[in-house]
mmCIF file of all heavy atoms, coordinates in Angstrom:
data_MODEL
# 
_entry.id   MODEL 
# 
loop_
_atom_site.group_PDB 
_atom_site.id 
_atom_site.type_symbol 
_atom_site.label_atom_id 
_atom_site.label_alt_id 
_atom_site.label_comp_id 
_atom_site.label_asym_id 
_atom_site.label_entity_id 
_atom_site.label_seq_id 
_atom_site.pdbx_PDB_ins_code 
_atom_site.Cartn_x 
_atom_site.Cartn_y 
_atom_site.Cartn_z 
_atom_site.occupancy 
_atom_site.B_iso_or_equiv 
_atom_site.pdbx_formal_charge 
_atom_site.auth_seq_id 
_atom_site.auth_comp_id 
_atom_site.auth_asym_id 
_atom_site.auth_atom_id 
_atom_site.pdbx_PDB_model_num 
ATOM 1   N N   . PRO A 1 1  ? 74.998  131.400 95.922 1.00 0.00 ? 1  PRO A N   1 
ATOM 2   C CA  . PRO A 1 1  ? 76.224  131.383 95.122 1.00 0.00 ? 1  PRO A CA  1 
ATOM 3   C C   . PRO A 1 1  ? 76.052  130.495 93.898 1.00 0.00 ? 1  PRO A C   1 
ATOM 4   O O   . PRO A 1 1  ? 74.978  129.952 93.647 1.00 0.00 ? 1  PRO A O   1 
ATOM 5   C CB  . PRO A 1 1  ? 77.239  130.781 96.093 1.00 0.00 ? 1  PRO A CB  1 
ATOM 6   C CG  . PRO A 1 1  ? 76.410  129.840 96.924 1.00 0.00 ? 1  PRO A CG  1 
ATOM 7   C CD  . PRO A 1 1  ? 75.051  130.481 97.055 1.00 0.00 ? 1  PRO A CD  1 
ATOM 8   N N   . SER A 1 2  ? 77.112  130.348 93.155 1.00 0.00 ? 2  SER A N   1 
ATOM 9   C CA  . SER A 1 2  ? 77.080  129.401 92.026 1.00 0.00 ? 2  SER A CA  1 
ATOM 10  C C   . SER A 1 2  ? 76.909  127.991 92.571 1.00 0.00 ? 2  SER A C   1 
ATOM 11  O O   . SER A 1 2  ? 77.462  127.644 93.627 1.00 0.00 ? 2  SER A O   1 
ATOM 12  C CB  . SER A 1 2  ? 78.381  129.484 91.225 1.00 0.00 ? 2  SER A CB  1 
ATOM 13  O OG  . SER A 1 2  ? 78.557  130.775 90.699 1.00 0.00 ? 2  SER A OG  1 
ATOM 14  N N   . PRO A 1 3  ? 76.143  127.149 91.905 1.00 0.00 ? 3  PRO A N   1 
ATOM 15  C CA  . PRO A 1 3  ? 75.903  125.787 92.423 1.00 0.00 ? 3  PRO A CA  1 
ATOM 16  C C   . PRO A 1 3  ? 77.201  124.985 92.473 1.00 0.00 ? 3  PRO A C   1 
ATOM 17  O O   . PRO A 1 3  ? 78.069  125.112 91.607 1.00 0.00 ? 3  PRO A O   1 
ATOM 18  C CB  . PRO A 1 3  ? 74.923  125.199 91.408 1.00 0.00 ? 3  PRO A CB  1 
ATOM 19  C CG  . PRO A 1 3  ? 75.123  125.992 90.164 1.00 0.00 ? 3  PRO A CG  1 
ATOM 20  C CD  . PRO A 1 3  ? 75.476  127.374 90.616 1.00 0.00 ? 3  PRO A CD  1 
ATOM 21  N N   . LEU A 1 4  ? 77.320  124.182 93.511 1.00 0.00 ? 4  LEU A N   1 
ATOM 22  C CA  . LEU A 1 4  ? 78.477  123.302 93.668 1.00 0.00 ? 4  LEU A CA  1 
ATOM 23  C C   . LEU A 1 4  ? 78.117  121.913 93.149 1.00 0.00 ? 4  LEU A C   1 
ATOM 24  O O   . LEU A 1 4  ? 77.040  121.377 93.465 1.00 0.00 ? 4  LEU A O   1 
ATOM 25  C CB  . LEU A 1 4  ? 78.891  123.235 95.138 1.00 0.00 ? 4  LEU A CB  1 
ATOM 26  C CG  . LEU A 1 4  ? 79.246  124.597 95.765 1.00 0.00 ? 4  LEU A CG  1 
ATOM 27  C CD1 . LEU A 1 4  ? 79.564  124.422 97.242 1.00 0.00 ? 4  LEU A CD1 1 
ATOM 28  C CD2 . LEU A 1 4  ? 80.421  125.226 95.035 1.00 0.00 ? 4  LEU A CD2 1 
ATOM 29  N N   . LEU A 1 5  ? 79.013  121.333 92.383 1.00 0.00 ? 5  LEU A N   1 
ATOM 30  C CA  . LEU A 1 5  ? 78.717  120.089 91.683 1.00 0.00 ? 5  LEU A CA  1 
ATOM 31  C C   . LEU A 1 5  ? 79.659  118.977 92.120 1.00 0.00 ? 5  LEU A C   1 
ATOM 32  O O   . LEU A 1 5  ? 80.774  119.214 92.544 1.00 0.00 ? 5  LEU A O   1 
ATOM 33  C CB  . LEU A 1 5  ? 78.837  120.293 90.169 1.00 0.00 ? 5  LEU A CB  1 
ATOM 34  C CG  . LEU A 1 5  ? 78.020  121.441 89.556 1.00 0.00 ? 5  LEU A CG  1 
ATOM 35  C CD1 . LEU A 1 5  ? 78.311  121.554 88.068 1.00 0.00 ? 5  LEU A CD1 1 
ATOM 36  C CD2 . LEU A 1 5  ? 76.525  121.216 89.799 1.00 0.00 ? 5  LEU A CD2 1 
ATOM 37  N N   . ARG A 1 6  ? 79.182  117.754 91.965 1.00 0.00 ? 6  ARG A N   1 
ATOM 38  C CA  . ARG A 1 6  ? 79.989  116.558 92.208 1.00 0.00 ? 6  ARG A CA  1 
ATOM 39  C C   . ARG A 1 6  ? 79.730  115.558 91.085 1.00 0.00 ? 6  ARG A C   1 
ATOM 40  O O   . ARG A 1 6  ? 78.668  115.557 90.466 1.00 0.00 ? 6  ARG A O   1 
ATOM 41  C CB  . ARG A 1 6  ? 79.663  115.906 93.555 1.00 0.00 ? 6  ARG A CB  1 
ATOM 42  C CG  . ARG A 1 6  ? 79.958  116.774 94.750 1.00 0.00 ? 6  ARG A CG  1 
ATOM 43  C CD  . ARG A 1 6  ? 79.760  116.020 96.054 1.00 0.00 ? 6  ARG A CD  1 
ATOM 44  N NE  . ARG A 1 6  ? 80.812  115.045 96.297 1.00 0.00 ? 6  ARG A NE  1 
ATOM 45  C CZ  . ARG A 1 6  ? 81.968  115.339 96.891 1.00 0.00 ? 6  ARG A CZ  1 
ATOM 46  N NH1 . ARG A 1 6  ? 82.214  116.567 97.301 1.00 0.00 ? 6  ARG A NH1 1 
ATOM 47  N NH2 . ARG A 1 6  ? 82.880  114.411 97.100 1.00 0.00 ? 6  ARG A NH2 1 
ATOM 48  N N   . ARG A 1 7  ? 80.711  114.713 90.846 1.00 0.00 ? 7  ARG A N   1 
ATOM 49  C CA  . ARG A 1 7  ? 80.534  113.631 89.869 1.00 0.00 ? 7  ARG A CA  1 
ATOM 50  C C   . ARG A 1 7  ? 81.143  112.351 90.430 1.00 0.00 ? 7  ARG A C   1 
ATOM 51  O O   . ARG A 1 7  ? 82.006  112.377 91.307 1.00 0.00 ? 7  ARG A O   1 
ATOM 52  C CB  . ARG A 1 7  ? 81.212  113.964 88.547 1.00 0.00 ? 7  ARG A CB  1 
ATOM 53  C CG  . ARG A 1 7  ? 82.705  114.160 88.642 1.00 0.00 ? 7  ARG A CG  1 
ATOM 54  C CD  . ARG A 1 7  ? 83.337  114.333 87.265 1.00 0.00 ? 7  ARG A CD  1 
ATOM 55  N NE  . ARG A 1 7  ? 84.764  114.590 87.389 1.00 0.00 ? 7  ARG A NE  1 
ATOM 56  C CZ  . ARG A 1 7  ? 85.686  113.648 87.574 1.00 0.00 ? 7  ARG A CZ  1 
ATOM 57  N NH1 . ARG A 1 7  ? 85.321  112.380 87.672 1.00 0.00 ? 7  ARG A NH1 1 
ATOM 58  N NH2 . ARG A 1 7  ? 86.973  113.966 87.672 1.00 0.00 ? 7  ARG A NH2 1 
ATOM 59  N N   . ARG A 1 8  ? 80.670  111.212 89.924 1.00 0.00 ? 8  ARG A N   1 
ATOM 60  C CA  . ARG A 1 8  ? 81.195  109.927 90.364 1.00 0.00 ? 8  ARG A CA  1 
ATOM 61  C C   . ARG A 1 8  ? 82.594  109.704 89.806 1.00 0.00 ? 8  ARG A C   1 
ATOM 62  O O   . ARG A 1 8  ? 82.879  110.023 88.660 1.00 0.00 ? 8  ARG A O   1 
ATOM 63  C CB  . ARG A 1 8  ? 80.262  108.797 89.933 1.00 0.00 ? 8  ARG A CB  1 
ATOM 64  C CG  . ARG A 1 8  ? 78.971  108.780 90.723 1.00 0.00 ? 8  ARG A CG  1 
ATOM 65  C CD  . ARG A 1 8  ? 77.964  107.807 90.172 1.00 0.00 ? 8  ARG A CD  1 
ATOM 66  N NE  . ARG A 1 8  ? 78.432  106.421 90.249 1.00 0.00 ? 8  ARG A NE  1 
ATOM 67  C CZ  . ARG A 1 8  ? 77.704  105.377 89.873 1.00 0.00 ? 8  ARG A CZ  1 
ATOM 68  N NH1 . ARG A 1 8  ? 76.485  105.574 89.385 1.00 0.00 ? 8  ARG A NH1 1 
ATOM 69  N NH2 . ARG A 1 8  ? 78.182  104.156 89.964 1.00 0.00 ? 8  ARG A NH2 1 
ATOM 70  N N   . GLN A 1 9  ? 83.467  109.155 90.627 1.00 0.00 ? 9  GLN A N   1 
ATOM 71  C CA  . GLN A 1 9  ? 84.839  108.884 90.212 1.00 0.00 ? 9  GLN A CA  1 
ATOM 72  C C   . GLN A 1 9  ? 84.891  107.743 89.196 1.00 0.00 ? 9  GLN A C   1 
ATOM 73  O O   . GLN A 1 9  ? 84.036  106.851 89.189 1.00 0.00 ? 9  GLN A O   1 
ATOM 74  C CB  . GLN A 1 9  ? 85.697  108.493 91.406 1.00 0.00 ? 9  GLN A CB  1 
ATOM 75  C CG  . GLN A 1 9  ? 86.097  109.624 92.320 1.00 0.00 ? 9  GLN A CG  1 
ATOM 76  C CD  . GLN A 1 9  ? 86.979  109.118 93.442 1.00 0.00 ? 9  GLN A CD  1 
ATOM 77  O OE1 . GLN A 1 9  ? 86.561  108.263 94.206 1.00 0.00 ? 9  GLN A OE1 1 
ATOM 78  N NE2 . GLN A 1 9  ? 88.178  109.642 93.542 1.00 0.00 ? 9  GLN A NE2 1 
ATOM 79  N N   . THR A 1 10 ? 85.887  107.783 88.355 1.00 0.00 ? 10 THR A N   1 
ATOM 80  C CA  . THR A 1 10 ? 86.198  106.663 87.472 1.00 0.00 ? 10 THR A CA  1 
ATOM 81  C C   . THR A 1 10 ? 87.473  106.009 87.982 1.00 0.00 ? 10 THR A C   1 
ATOM 82  O O   . THR A 1 10 ? 88.510  106.662 88.113 1.00 0.00 ? 10 THR A O   1 
ATOM 83  C CB  . THR A 1 10 ? 86.393  107.137 86.026 1.00 0.00 ? 10 THR A CB  1 
ATOM 84  O OG1 . THR A 1 10 ? 85.181  107.761 85.572 1.00 0.00 ? 10 THR A OG1 1 
ATOM 85  C CG2 . THR A 1 10 ? 86.723  105.971 85.113 1.00 0.00 ? 10 THR A CG2 1 
ATOM 86  N N   . VAL A 1 11 ? 87.394  104.704 88.285 1.00 0.00 ? 11 VAL A N   1 
ATOM 87  C CA  . VAL A 1 11 ? 88.534  103.999 88.877 1.00 0.00 ? 11 VAL A CA  1 
ATOM 88  C C   . VAL A 1 11 ? 88.840  102.758 88.040 1.00 0.00 ? 11 VAL A C   1 
ATOM 89  O O   . VAL A 1 11 ? 87.956  102.193 87.383 1.00 0.00 ? 11 VAL A O   1 
ATOM 90  C CB  . VAL A 1 11 ? 88.240  103.587 90.336 1.00 0.00 ? 11 VAL A CB  1 
ATOM 91  C CG1 . VAL A 1 11 ? 88.036  104.807 91.209 1.00 0.00 ? 11 VAL A CG1 1 
ATOM 92  C CG2 . VAL A 1 11 ? 87.014  102.679 90.410 1.00 0.00 ? 11 VAL A CG2 1 
ATOM 93  N N   . PRO A 1 12 ? 90.105  102.322 88.030 1.00 0.00 ? 12 PRO A N   1 
ATOM 94  C CA  . PRO A 1 12 ? 90.451  101.088 87.299 1.00 0.00 ? 12 PRO A CA  1 
ATOM 95  C C   . PRO A 1 12 ? 89.786  99.874  87.937 1.00 0.00 ? 12 PRO A C   1 
ATOM 96  O O   . PRO A 1 12 ? 89.611  99.803  89.148 1.00 0.00 ? 12 PRO A O   1 
ATOM 97  C CB  . PRO A 1 12 ? 91.981  101.016 87.410 1.00 0.00 ? 12 PRO A CB  1 
ATOM 98  C CG  . PRO A 1 12 ? 92.422  102.369 87.853 1.00 0.00 ? 12 PRO A CG  1 
ATOM 99  C CD  . PRO A 1 12 ? 91.296  102.953 88.633 1.00 0.00 ? 12 PRO A CD  1 
ATOM 100 N N   . ARG A 1 13 ? 89.432  98.918  87.117 1.00 0.00 ? 13 ARG A N   1 
ATOM 101 C CA  . ARG A 1 13 ? 88.887  97.666  87.628 1.00 0.00 ? 13 ARG A CA  1 
ATOM 102 C C   . ARG A 1 13 ? 89.985  96.812  88.256 1.00 0.00 ? 13 ARG A C   1 
ATOM 103 O O   . ARG A 1 13 ? 91.166  97.002  87.989 1.00 0.00 ? 13 ARG A O   1 
ATOM 104 C CB  . ARG A 1 13 ? 88.199  96.881  86.502 1.00 0.00 ? 13 ARG A CB  1 
ATOM 105 C CG  . ARG A 1 13 ? 86.895  97.519  86.023 1.00 0.00 ? 13 ARG A CG  1 
ATOM 106 C CD  . ARG A 1 13 ? 86.184  96.644  85.025 1.00 0.00 ? 13 ARG A CD  1 
ATOM 107 N NE  . ARG A 1 13 ? 84.916  97.231  84.622 1.00 0.00 ? 13 ARG A NE  1 
ATOM 108 C CZ  . ARG A 1 13 ? 83.773  97.044  85.255 1.00 0.00 ? 13 ARG A CZ  1 
ATOM 109 N NH1 . ARG A 1 13 ? 83.738  96.255  86.322 1.00 0.00 ? 13 ARG A NH1 1 
ATOM 110 N NH2 . ARG A 1 13 ? 82.661  97.613  84.831 1.00 0.00 ? 13 ARG A NH2 1 
ATOM 111 N N   . LYS A 1 14 ? 89.574  95.876  89.073 1.00 0.00 ? 14 LYS A N   1 
ATOM 112 C CA  . LYS A 1 14 ? 90.525  94.946  89.682 1.00 0.00 ? 14 LYS A CA  1 
ATOM 113 C C   . LYS A 1 14 ? 91.091  93.998  88.619 1.00 0.00 ? 14 LYS A C   1 
ATOM 114 O O   . LYS A 1 14 ? 90.429  93.706  87.618 1.00 0.00 ? 14 LYS A O   1 
ATOM 115 C CB  . LYS A 1 14 ? 89.845  94.126  90.780 1.00 0.00 ? 14 LYS A CB  1 
ATOM 116 C CG  . LYS A 1 14 ? 89.412  94.931  91.989 1.00 0.00 ? 14 LYS A CG  1 
ATOM 117 C CD  . LYS A 1 14 ? 88.645  94.083  92.973 1.00 0.00 ? 14 LYS A CD  1 
ATOM 118 C CE  . LYS A 1 14 ? 87.260  93.740  92.451 1.00 0.00 ? 14 LYS A CE  1 
ATOM 119 N NZ  . LYS A 1 14 ? 86.419  93.068  93.460 1.00 0.00 ? 14 LYS A NZ  1 
ATOM 120 N N   . LEU A 1 15 ? 92.292  93.528  88.876 1.00 0.00 ? 15 LEU A N   1 
ATOM 121 C CA  . LEU A 1 15 ? 92.938  92.538  88.015 1.00 0.00 ? 15 LEU A CA  1 
ATOM 122 C C   . LEU A 1 15 ? 93.194  91.293  88.851 1.00 0.00 ? 15 LEU A C   1 
ATOM 123 O O   . LEU A 1 15 ? 93.822  91.358  89.915 1.00 0.00 ? 15 LEU A O   1 
ATOM 124 C CB  . LEU A 1 15 ? 94.254  93.085  87.459 1.00 0.00 ? 15 LEU A CB  1 
ATOM 125 C CG  . LEU A 1 15 ? 95.068  92.136  86.570 1.00 0.00 ? 15 LEU A CG  1 
ATOM 126 C CD1 . LEU A 1 15 ? 94.299  91.805  85.291 1.00 0.00 ? 15 LEU A CD1 1 
ATOM 127 C CD2 . LEU A 1 15 ? 96.426  92.740  86.237 1.00 0.00 ? 15 LEU A CD2 1 
ATOM 128 N N   . LEU A 1 16 ? 92.705  90.151  88.375 1.00 0.00 ? 16 LEU A N   1 
ATOM 129 C CA  . LEU A 1 16 ? 92.864  88.881  89.088 1.00 0.00 ? 16 LEU A CA  1 
ATOM 130 C C   . LEU A 1 16 ? 93.585  87.895  88.181 1.00 0.00 ? 16 LEU A C   1 
ATOM 131 O O   . LEU A 1 16 ? 93.101  87.597  87.086 1.00 0.00 ? 16 LEU A O   1 
ATOM 132 C CB  . LEU A 1 16 ? 91.498  88.327  89.503 1.00 0.00 ? 16 LEU A CB  1 
ATOM 133 C CG  . LEU A 1 16 ? 91.466  86.912  90.074 1.00 0.00 ? 16 LEU A CG  1 
ATOM 134 C CD1 . LEU A 1 16 ? 92.264  86.824  91.369 1.00 0.00 ? 16 LEU A CD1 1 
ATOM 135 C CD2 . LEU A 1 16 ? 90.018  86.459  90.315 1.00 0.00 ? 16 LEU A CD2 1 
ATOM 136 N N   . LEU A 1 17 ? 94.756  87.415  88.623 1.00 0.00 ? 17 LEU A N   1 
ATOM 137 C CA  . LEU A 1 17 ? 95.521  86.420  87.875 1.00 0.00 ? 17 LEU A CA  1 
ATOM 138 C C   . LEU A 1 17 ? 95.484  85.099  88.627 1.00 0.00 ? 17 LEU A C   1 
ATOM 139 O O   . LEU A 1 17 ? 95.812  85.040  89.824 1.00 0.00 ? 17 LEU A O   1 
ATOM 140 C CB  . LEU A 1 17 ? 96.977  86.862  87.701 1.00 0.00 ? 17 LEU A CB  1 
ATOM 141 C CG  . LEU A 1 17 ? 97.237  88.168  86.940 1.00 0.00 ? 17 LEU A CG  1 
ATOM 142 C CD1 . LEU A 1 17 ? 98.737  88.399  86.796 1.00 0.00 ? 17 LEU A CD1 1 
ATOM 143 C CD2 . LEU A 1 17 ? 96.581  88.147  85.570 1.00 0.00 ? 17 LEU A CD2 1 
ATOM 144 N N   . LEU A 1 18 ? 95.099  84.028  87.936 1.00 0.00 ? 18 LEU A N   1 
ATOM 145 C CA  . LEU A 1 18 ? 95.087  82.677  88.480 1.00 0.00 ? 18 LEU A CA  1 
ATOM 146 C C   . LEU A 1 18 ? 96.117  81.870  87.701 1.00 0.00 ? 18 LEU A C   1 
ATOM 147 O O   . LEU A 1 18 ? 95.934  81.619  86.506 1.00 0.00 ? 18 LEU A O   1 
ATOM 148 C CB  . LEU A 1 18 ? 93.696  82.055  88.361 1.00 0.00 ? 18 LEU A CB  1 
ATOM 149 C CG  . LEU A 1 18 ? 92.578  82.801  89.102 1.00 0.00 ? 18 LEU A CG  1 
ATOM 150 C CD1 . LEU A 1 18 ? 91.207  82.341  88.633 1.00 0.00 ? 18 LEU A CD1 1 
ATOM 151 C CD2 . LEU A 1 18 ? 92.708  82.593  90.605 1.00 0.00 ? 18 LEU A CD2 1 
ATOM 152 N N   . ILE A 1 19 ? 97.208  81.481  88.362 1.00 0.00 ? 19 ILE A N   1 
ATOM 153 C CA  . ILE A 1 19 ? 98.366  80.910  87.682 1.00 0.00 ? 19 ILE A CA  1 
ATOM 154 C C   . ILE A 1 19 ? 98.458  79.413  87.958 1.00 0.00 ? 19 ILE A C   1 
ATOM 155 O O   . ILE A 1 19 ? 98.524  78.982  89.116 1.00 0.00 ? 19 ILE A O   1 
ATOM 156 C CB  . ILE A 1 19 ? 99.664  81.600  88.146 1.00 0.00 ? 19 ILE A CB  1 
ATOM 157 C CG1 . ILE A 1 19 ? 99.580  83.107  87.880 1.00 0.00 ? 19 ILE A CG1 1 
ATOM 158 C CG2 . ILE A 1 19 ? 100.881 81.000  87.449 1.00 0.00 ? 19 ILE A CG2 1 
ATOM 159 C CD1 . ILE A 1 19 ? 100.763 83.882  88.424 1.00 0.00 ? 19 ILE A CD1 1 
ATOM 160 N N   . ASP A 1 20 ? 98.473  78.633  86.887 1.00 0.00 ? 20 ASP A N   1 
ATOM 161 C CA  . ASP A 1 20 ? 98.625  77.185  86.969 1.00 0.00 ? 20 ASP A CA  1 
ATOM 162 C C   . ASP A 1 20 ? 100.099 76.850  87.206 1.00 0.00 ? 20 ASP A C   1 
ATOM 163 O O   . ASP A 1 20 ? 100.962 77.217  86.397 1.00 0.00 ? 20 ASP A O   1 
ATOM 164 C CB  . ASP A 1 20 ? 98.140  76.564  85.651 1.00 0.00 ? 20 ASP A CB  1 
ATOM 165 C CG  . ASP A 1 20 ? 98.107  75.047  85.690 1.00 0.00 ? 20 ASP A CG  1 
ATOM 166 O OD1 . ASP A 1 20 ? 98.708  74.449  86.602 1.00 0.00 ? 20 ASP A OD1 1 
ATOM 167 O OD2 . ASP A 1 20 ? 97.494  74.447  84.777 1.00 0.00 ? 20 ASP A OD2 1 
ATOM 168 N N   . VAL A 1 21 ? 100.405 76.157  88.318 1.00 0.00 ? 21 VAL A N   1 
ATOM 169 C CA  . VAL A 1 21 ? 101.791 75.803  88.633 1.00 0.00 ? 21 VAL A CA  1 
ATOM 170 C C   . VAL A 1 21 ? 102.004 74.293  88.568 1.00 0.00 ? 21 VAL A C   1 
ATOM 171 O O   . VAL A 1 21 ? 102.932 73.760  89.182 1.00 0.00 ? 21 VAL A O   1 
ATOM 172 C CB  . VAL A 1 21 ? 102.194 76.334  90.025 1.00 0.00 ? 21 VAL A CB  1 
ATOM 173 C CG1 . VAL A 1 21 ? 102.185 77.843  90.052 1.00 0.00 ? 21 VAL A CG1 1 
ATOM 174 C CG2 . VAL A 1 21 ? 101.274 75.773  91.124 1.00 0.00 ? 21 VAL A CG2 1 
ATOM 175 N N   . SER A 1 22 ? 101.185 73.598  87.790 1.00 0.00 ? 22 SER A N   1 
ATOM 176 C CA  . SER A 1 22 ? 101.325 72.150  87.655 1.00 0.00 ? 22 SER A CA  1 
ATOM 177 C C   . SER A 1 22 ? 102.535 71.816  86.785 1.00 0.00 ? 22 SER A C   1 
ATOM 178 O O   . SER A 1 22 ? 103.154 72.694  86.166 1.00 0.00 ? 22 SER A O   1 
ATOM 179 C CB  . SER A 1 22 ? 100.052 71.550  87.065 1.00 0.00 ? 22 SER A CB  1 
ATOM 180 O OG  . SER A 1 22 ? 99.821  72.062  85.760 1.00 0.00 ? 22 SER A OG  1 
ATOM 181 N N   . GLY A 1 23 ? 102.863 70.523  86.704 1.00 0.00 ? 23 GLY A N   1 
ATOM 182 C CA  . GLY A 1 23 ? 104.040 70.094  85.967 1.00 0.00 ? 23 GLY A CA  1 
ATOM 183 C C   . GLY A 1 23 ? 103.998 70.440  84.493 1.00 0.00 ? 23 GLY A C   1 
ATOM 184 O O   . GLY A 1 23 ? 105.034 70.748  83.893 1.00 0.00 ? 23 GLY A O   1 
ATOM 185 N N   . SER A 1 24 ? 102.817 70.431  83.885 1.00 0.00 ? 24 SER A N   1 
ATOM 186 C CA  . SER A 1 24 ? 102.720 70.731  82.450 1.00 0.00 ? 24 SER A CA  1 
ATOM 187 C C   . SER A 1 24 ? 103.000 72.195  82.134 1.00 0.00 ? 24 SER A C   1 
ATOM 188 O O   . SER A 1 24 ? 103.226 72.548  80.980 1.00 0.00 ? 24 SER A O   1 
ATOM 189 C CB  . SER A 1 24 ? 101.327 70.353  81.934 1.00 0.00 ? 24 SER A CB  1 
ATOM 190 O OG  . SER A 1 24 ? 100.323 71.115  82.590 1.00 0.00 ? 24 SER A OG  1 
ATOM 191 N N   . MET A 1 25 ? 102.997 73.058  83.164 1.00 0.00 ? 25 MET A N   1 
ATOM 192 C CA  . MET A 1 25 ? 103.244 74.488  82.967 1.00 0.00 ? 25 MET A CA  1 
ATOM 193 C C   . MET A 1 25 ? 104.621 74.903  83.473 1.00 0.00 ? 25 MET A C   1 
ATOM 194 O O   . MET A 1 25 ? 104.910 76.096  83.588 1.00 0.00 ? 25 MET A O   1 
ATOM 195 C CB  . MET A 1 25 ? 102.166 75.287  83.702 1.00 0.00 ? 25 MET A CB  1 
ATOM 196 C CG  . MET A 1 25 ? 100.763 75.073  83.175 1.00 0.00 ? 25 MET A CG  1 
ATOM 197 S SD  . MET A 1 25 ? 100.558 75.728  81.506 1.00 0.00 ? 25 MET A SD  1 
ATOM 198 C CE  . MET A 1 25 ? 100.716 77.475  81.833 1.00 0.00 ? 25 MET A CE  1 
# 
């Protein structure tokens, strides 16, 4: 039959937030 194909997925990167909760902020 016609060849069956696959491709690698494209996915969003992770998001990492580091929040300063000290008195100056």
